[in-house]
Amino acid sequence: MEFGKKKKGFFGRLSEKIGDVILARPSIDEELLEDLEEVLITSDIGMETTMHIIEQLRSDIKSNYLREPEQVKDQLKTIITNLMDKGDRHKLSQESPLIILMIGINGGGKTTSIGKLAHKCRQEGKTVMLAAADTFRAAASEQLEIWGQRVGVNVIRHQEGADPSAVIFDAIQSAKAKDIDVLICDTAGRLQNKKNLMDELTKMDKVIAREFPEAARENLLVLDATTGKNAVSQAKEFNESADISGIVLTKLDGTAKGGIVITISDEFDMAVKFIGVGEGIEDLKEFDPAEFAGGIFDE
C-alpha cells in the first residue's frame, strides 16, 4: 500500500482539513497557525506533539522566508517526516541468530503480526521458529500454531497455563539445535494485573540473556492504531518496564487515528518498524516516515 494512493481514514481526513485551512487564508498569519494547531490536535496527534510541530513551523516560516500558505503544507510535511525519522532504527536487526519478543495487550493484532513477520523473514531466506509463550490466553497457542502451519515454520508450545519462560527456554534450545536464524516469541497480553505482566516480561528477558546471550535482540511493541490515545498510554507503560526497540502499528488501514504514529515517535523517541495495512499475509510493511507523511499531504 502506498500511503498517497488511498485517501481514506487518517490520511484523507487530515489532508482535507489542512487543505481547507490553507485555502481559507490569503497569507501566512497567526490565525492560520492557530487553525492548523486545532486541526492537528483534533486529528489525534496530541497536545505536546502538536505544539512541537507548530513551534518548528513558526521558526521555519521565519528562517525560510515563507510567504504563501501553500508553502506551509510542504513545510509541515518536512517537519512531520523529520519528527518521525529515526534513521536505521526503523529497520529490523539483520543479525543472526535473532530473538524477537512480541509485546502488547490482547486484541492488538499481536498474533497476526507474528505470523506476517515470520512470513516476511521466510521470504528473505531466513529460517524461523515461533514460541507460543502466551500461555494464559485461551487458544493463543492454537492460533499461533495455525499461523505456523500457514507460514511453514515450527511452533514450540506447552499446555495452557504453563510457565511462559519455560516455553521460551525450550524454544531457545530447539532454535540452537536447529541453527534457526530468527526466533519470534509471543508473550502474554494480560495477566491479573500490570505488575504481574511486567514481571513476566522481565523473567523472559532473564531466561533469554542466560540461555542465548550471543543472540541479537528485538523487543517489538504491537499497538492497535484504532485505539488512538490508549495506544500512546500503552507505549508509555510498556516502555517503563521493557527495553522496547520498535513499534509494530496494526490496523492502520482506514483508521482516523493514525496520528499516534507521530505522537509516539515524538514523545517516546520510538521507531516504528512495521505497519499493518490489511488482513493479508503480505500486509505488514516496513515503515517509511517520508512515505507516511506523503500520504497526508500528497495529492
Protein backbone atom coordinates (compact mmCIF):
# COMPACT_ATOMS: atom_id res chain seq x y z
CA MET A 1 0.00 0.00 0.00
CA GLU A 2 1.31 3.41 -0.93
CA PHE A 3 0.09 5.98 1.54
CA GLY A 4 -0.52 8.65 -1.05
CA LYS A 5 -2.71 6.44 -3.23
CA LYS A 6 -5.67 5.82 -0.95
CA LYS A 7 -7.18 8.91 0.59
CA LYS A 8 -9.13 7.38 3.44
CA GLY A 9 -9.07 7.22 7.20
CA PHE A 10 -6.45 9.34 8.92
CA PHE A 11 -4.73 10.41 5.70
CA GLY A 12 -7.82 11.62 3.89
CA ARG A 13 -9.34 13.43 6.86
CA LEU A 14 -6.18 15.23 7.93
CA SER A 15 -5.24 16.13 4.35
CA GLU A 16 -8.67 17.60 3.74
CA LYS A 17 -8.67 19.60 6.98
CA ILE A 18 -5.22 21.05 6.35
CA GLY A 19 -6.18 21.88 2.77
CA ASP A 20 -9.29 23.71 3.96
CA VAL A 21 -7.28 25.80 6.43
CA ILE A 22 -4.68 26.77 3.83
CA LEU A 23 -7.22 27.58 1.12
CA ALA A 24 -9.12 29.82 3.52
CA ARG A 25 -6.10 32.07 4.14
CA PRO A 26 -4.71 34.58 1.64
CA SER A 27 -1.45 34.87 3.60
CA ILE A 28 0.50 33.28 6.42
CA ASP A 29 -0.58 34.75 9.73
CA GLU A 30 -1.05 33.76 13.37
CA GLU A 31 -4.65 32.80 12.76
CA LEU A 32 -3.57 30.25 10.15
CA LEU A 33 -1.14 28.70 12.62
CA GLU A 34 -3.82 28.56 15.30
CA ASP A 35 -6.21 26.84 12.89
CA LEU A 36 -3.52 24.31 11.92
CA GLU A 37 -2.84 23.68 15.60
CA GLU A 38 -6.50 22.88 16.16
CA VAL A 39 -6.57 20.54 13.15
CA LEU A 40 -3.56 18.58 14.41
CA ILE A 41 -4.89 18.24 17.96
CA THR A 42 -8.30 17.04 16.75
CA SER A 43 -6.56 14.52 14.47
CA ASP A 44 -5.37 12.54 17.50
CA ILE A 45 -1.81 13.84 17.33
CA GLY A 46 -1.84 15.11 20.91
CA MET A 47 -1.18 18.46 22.51
CA GLU A 48 2.53 18.18 23.26
CA THR A 49 3.49 16.85 19.83
CA THR A 50 1.24 19.39 18.12
CA MET A 51 3.00 22.21 20.00
CA HIS A 52 6.38 20.86 18.86
CA ILE A 53 5.19 20.82 15.25
CA ILE A 54 3.70 24.33 15.37
CA GLU A 55 6.74 25.80 17.12
CA GLN A 56 9.01 24.30 14.47
CA LEU A 57 6.69 25.54 11.72
CA ARG A 58 6.69 29.06 13.13
CA SER A 59 10.50 29.01 13.22
CA ASP A 60 10.77 27.62 9.68
CA ILE A 61 8.40 30.23 8.30
CA LYS A 62 10.73 32.96 9.59
CA SER A 63 14.04 31.34 8.68
CA ASN A 64 12.89 30.23 5.20
CA TYR A 65 11.03 33.47 4.48
CA LEU A 66 7.83 31.64 3.62
CA ARG A 67 5.06 33.89 2.30
CA GLU A 68 2.44 31.71 0.62
CA PRO A 69 0.04 29.47 2.60
CA GLU A 70 0.69 26.64 0.11
CA GLN A 71 4.34 26.64 1.23
CA VAL A 72 3.17 25.86 4.75
CA LYS A 73 1.84 22.48 3.63
CA ASP A 74 5.23 21.46 2.19
CA GLN A 75 6.99 22.63 5.34
CA LEU A 76 4.58 20.69 7.55
CA LYS A 77 5.31 17.56 5.53
CA THR A 78 9.05 18.06 6.10
CA ILE A 79 8.61 18.69 9.83
CA ILE A 80 6.45 15.60 10.38
CA THR A 81 8.82 13.45 8.31
CA ASN A 82 11.82 14.61 10.33
CA LEU A 83 9.98 14.14 13.62
CA MET A 84 9.18 10.51 12.81
CA ASP A 85 12.51 9.68 11.15
CA LYS A 86 14.66 7.56 13.47
CA GLY A 87 17.16 6.51 10.81
CA ASP A 88 18.41 2.93 10.93
CA ARG A 89 16.26 2.19 13.98
CA HIS A 90 13.30 1.67 11.65
CA LYS A 91 14.99 -1.44 10.28
CA LEU A 92 14.67 -4.83 11.90
CA SER A 93 18.02 -6.24 13.00
CA GLN A 94 19.62 -8.37 10.29
CA GLU A 95 21.91 -10.14 12.76
CA SER A 96 21.60 -13.88 13.22
CA PRO A 97 20.60 -15.54 15.45
CA LEU A 98 17.90 -13.03 16.36
CA ILE A 99 15.28 -13.32 19.12
CA ILE A 100 12.19 -11.15 18.80
CA LEU A 101 9.85 -10.69 21.76
CA MET A 102 6.44 -9.51 20.58
CA ILE A 103 4.83 -7.46 23.35
CA GLY A 104 1.41 -5.88 23.65
CA ILE A 105 -2.09 -6.22 25.05
CA ASN A 106 -4.59 -8.78 23.82
CA GLY A 107 -6.65 -7.76 20.82
CA GLY A 108 -3.99 -5.51 19.34
CA GLY A 109 -3.08 -7.82 16.48
CA LYS A 110 -0.02 -9.40 18.09
CA THR A 111 -0.54 -12.99 16.91
CA THR A 112 -1.39 -11.89 13.37
CA SER A 113 1.68 -9.63 13.28
CA ILE A 114 3.86 -12.55 14.40
CA GLY A 115 2.57 -14.65 11.52
CA LYS A 116 3.11 -11.89 8.99
CA LEU A 117 6.60 -11.14 10.34
CA ALA A 118 7.51 -14.82 10.20
CA HIS A 119 6.37 -14.89 6.57
CA LYS A 120 8.43 -11.80 5.79
CA CYS A 121 11.55 -13.31 7.33
CA ARG A 122 10.98 -16.54 5.42
CA GLN A 123 10.65 -14.58 2.18
CA GLU A 124 14.06 -13.10 2.93
CA GLY A 125 15.51 -16.63 3.07
CA LYS A 126 15.78 -16.90 6.85
CA THR A 127 14.89 -19.90 8.96
CA VAL A 128 12.22 -19.06 11.51
CA MET A 129 10.73 -20.63 14.63
CA LEU A 130 7.83 -19.42 16.81
CA ALA A 131 7.44 -19.71 20.59
CA ALA A 132 3.90 -19.73 21.99
CA ALA A 133 4.69 -18.07 25.33
CA ASP A 134 1.25 -16.51 25.77
CA THR A 135 0.07 -19.48 27.80
CA PHE A 136 -2.58 -17.58 29.75
CA ARG A 137 -4.99 -16.67 26.96
CA ALA A 138 -7.29 -19.46 25.85
CA ALA A 139 -6.49 -20.68 22.33
CA ALA A 140 -3.47 -18.37 21.95
CA SER A 141 -1.14 -21.30 21.26
CA GLU A 142 -3.61 -22.81 18.80
CA GLN A 143 -3.86 -19.54 16.90
CA LEU A 144 -0.09 -19.30 16.68
CA GLU A 145 0.07 -22.94 15.55
CA ILE A 146 -2.31 -22.11 12.69
CA TRP A 147 -0.06 -19.27 11.60
CA GLY A 148 2.97 -21.55 11.89
CA GLN A 149 1.36 -24.06 9.55
CA ARG A 150 0.33 -21.31 7.15
CA VAL A 151 3.82 -19.83 7.01
CA GLY A 152 5.62 -23.17 7.17
CA VAL A 153 7.53 -22.82 10.45
CA ASN A 154 7.69 -24.87 13.65
CA VAL A 155 5.93 -23.65 16.79
CA ILE A 156 7.20 -24.54 20.28
CA ARG A 157 4.27 -24.70 22.70
CA HIS A 158 3.27 -26.07 26.10
CA GLN A 159 -0.13 -26.68 27.61
CA GLU A 160 -2.41 -23.78 28.54
CA GLY A 161 -1.38 -22.14 31.82
CA ALA A 162 2.24 -23.35 31.64
CA ASP A 163 5.16 -21.16 32.66
CA PRO A 164 5.81 -18.80 29.70
CA SER A 165 9.53 -18.66 30.48
CA ALA A 166 9.68 -22.45 30.25
CA VAL A 167 8.32 -22.20 26.73
CA ILE A 168 11.00 -19.62 25.90
CA PHE A 169 13.66 -21.91 27.41
CA ASP A 170 12.58 -24.90 25.29
CA ALA A 171 12.27 -22.74 22.16
CA ILE A 172 15.81 -21.44 22.62
CA GLN A 173 17.20 -24.96 22.98
CA SER A 174 15.38 -26.06 19.84
CA ALA A 175 16.43 -22.96 17.90
CA LYS A 176 20.06 -23.55 18.89
CA ALA A 177 19.94 -27.21 17.90
CA LYS A 178 18.40 -26.44 14.52
CA ASP A 179 20.55 -23.34 13.87
CA ILE A 180 17.45 -21.14 13.45
CA ASP A 181 18.04 -17.58 12.22
CA VAL A 182 15.00 -15.91 13.83
CA LEU A 183 13.04 -16.97 16.92
CA ILE A 184 9.82 -14.96 17.34
CA CYS A 185 8.20 -15.22 20.77
CA ASP A 186 4.58 -14.45 21.56
CA THR A 187 4.04 -13.07 25.09
CA ALA A 188 1.06 -12.61 27.39
CA GLY A 189 -1.06 -9.55 26.75
CA ARG A 190 -2.94 -9.65 30.02
CA LEU A 191 -2.39 -11.15 33.48
CA GLN A 192 -4.02 -10.49 36.85
CA ASN A 193 -2.51 -7.03 36.98
CA LYS A 194 0.01 -4.82 35.26
CA LYS A 195 2.81 -5.73 37.70
CA ASN A 196 2.40 -9.46 37.01
CA LEU A 197 2.56 -8.82 33.28
CA MET A 198 5.70 -6.72 33.52
CA ASP A 199 7.33 -9.19 35.93
CA GLU A 200 6.66 -11.98 33.42
CA LEU A 201 8.40 -9.98 30.67
CA THR A 202 11.38 -9.40 32.95
CA LYS A 203 11.58 -13.11 33.70
CA MET A 204 11.56 -13.98 29.98
CA ASP A 205 14.26 -11.43 29.35
CA LYS A 206 16.48 -13.03 32.00
CA VAL A 207 15.97 -16.51 30.51
CA ILE A 208 16.99 -15.26 27.06
CA ALA A 209 20.03 -13.42 28.44
CA ARG A 210 21.15 -16.51 30.34
CA GLU A 211 20.44 -19.17 27.73
CA PHE A 212 21.24 -17.33 24.50
CA PRO A 213 23.46 -14.32 25.30
CA GLU A 214 25.01 -14.34 21.84
CA ALA A 215 21.66 -13.77 20.10
CA ALA A 216 20.71 -10.32 18.85
CA ARG A 217 17.50 -8.94 20.39
CA GLU A 218 14.41 -7.04 19.33
CA ASN A 219 11.54 -6.20 21.67
CA LEU A 220 8.68 -5.08 19.44
CA LEU A 221 5.61 -3.43 20.94
CA VAL A 222 2.44 -4.15 18.96
CA LEU A 223 -0.09 -1.31 19.08
CA ASP A 224 -3.54 -1.05 17.54
CA ALA A 225 -3.86 2.22 15.60
CA THR A 226 -7.62 2.30 16.08
CA THR A 227 -7.24 2.78 19.85
CA GLY A 228 -5.67 6.22 19.40
CA LYS A 229 -4.59 7.77 22.70
CA ASN A 230 -4.94 4.42 24.50
CA ALA A 231 -2.10 3.13 22.34
CA VAL A 232 0.01 6.07 23.48
CA SER A 233 -0.71 5.10 27.10
CA GLN A 234 0.32 1.52 26.36
CA ALA A 235 3.57 2.73 24.82
CA LYS A 236 4.30 4.66 28.00
CA GLU A 237 3.54 1.71 30.30
CA PHE A 238 5.47 -0.93 28.38
CA ASN A 239 8.39 1.42 27.77
CA GLU A 240 8.80 1.78 31.53
CA SER A 241 9.15 -1.98 32.01
CA ALA A 242 10.69 -3.32 28.81
CA ASP A 243 13.51 -2.20 26.57
CA ILE A 244 11.32 -1.53 23.53
CA SER A 245 13.35 -1.46 20.32
CA GLY A 246 10.50 -0.63 17.98
CA ILE A 247 6.78 -0.44 17.27
CA VAL A 248 4.54 -2.58 15.09
CA LEU A 249 1.44 -0.49 14.40
CA THR A 250 -1.53 -2.61 13.35
CA LYS A 251 -4.89 -1.83 11.73
CA LEU A 252 -3.66 1.39 10.16
CA ASP A 253 -5.79 0.90 7.06
CA GLY A 254 -8.79 3.17 7.19
CA THR A 255 -8.34 4.40 10.76
CA ALA A 256 -8.87 8.02 11.68
CA LYS A 257 -6.33 7.71 14.47
CA GLY A 258 -3.07 7.34 12.55
CA GLY A 259 -1.74 10.42 14.31
CA ILE A 260 -0.48 8.18 17.10
CA VAL A 261 2.47 7.30 14.83
CA ILE A 262 3.57 10.92 15.04
CA THR A 263 2.89 11.20 18.77
CA ILE A 264 4.76 8.03 19.75
CA SER A 265 7.72 8.95 17.56
CA ASP A 266 7.91 12.34 19.26
CA GLU A 267 7.02 11.64 22.90
CA PHE A 268 8.95 8.40 23.36
CA ASP A 269 11.60 8.64 20.63
CA MET A 270 10.45 5.22 19.42
CA ALA A 271 10.99 3.97 15.90
CA VAL A 272 8.02 2.45 14.11
CA LYS A 273 9.43 -0.62 12.34
CA PHE A 274 6.32 -2.10 10.71
CA ILE A 275 2.75 -1.14 9.98
CA GLY A 276 -0.19 -3.43 9.33
CA VAL A 277 -2.25 -2.11 6.42
CA GLY A 278 -4.61 -5.03 5.80
CA GLU A 279 -5.56 -8.59 6.62
CA GLY A 280 -3.38 -10.34 4.03
CA ILE A 281 -0.17 -12.16 4.84
CA GLU A 282 1.78 -9.61 2.80
CA ASP A 283 0.17 -6.64 4.57
CA LEU A 284 2.95 -5.97 7.06
CA LYS A 285 5.03 -3.17 5.58
CA GLU A 286 8.32 -1.64 6.62
CA PHE A 287 7.67 1.87 7.92
CA ASP A 288 8.87 4.78 5.82
CA PRO A 289 8.49 8.21 7.51
CA ALA A 290 8.60 10.16 4.24
CA GLU A 291 6.03 7.89 2.63
CA PHE A 292 3.77 8.18 5.67
CA ALA A 293 3.95 11.98 5.63
CA GLY A 294 3.42 11.90 1.89
CA GLY A 295 0.18 10.03 2.46
CA ILE A 296 -1.07 13.01 4.43
CA PHE A 297 -0.01 15.79 2.10
CA ASP A 298 0.47 14.46 -1.42
CA GLU A 299 -2.38 14.77 -3.84
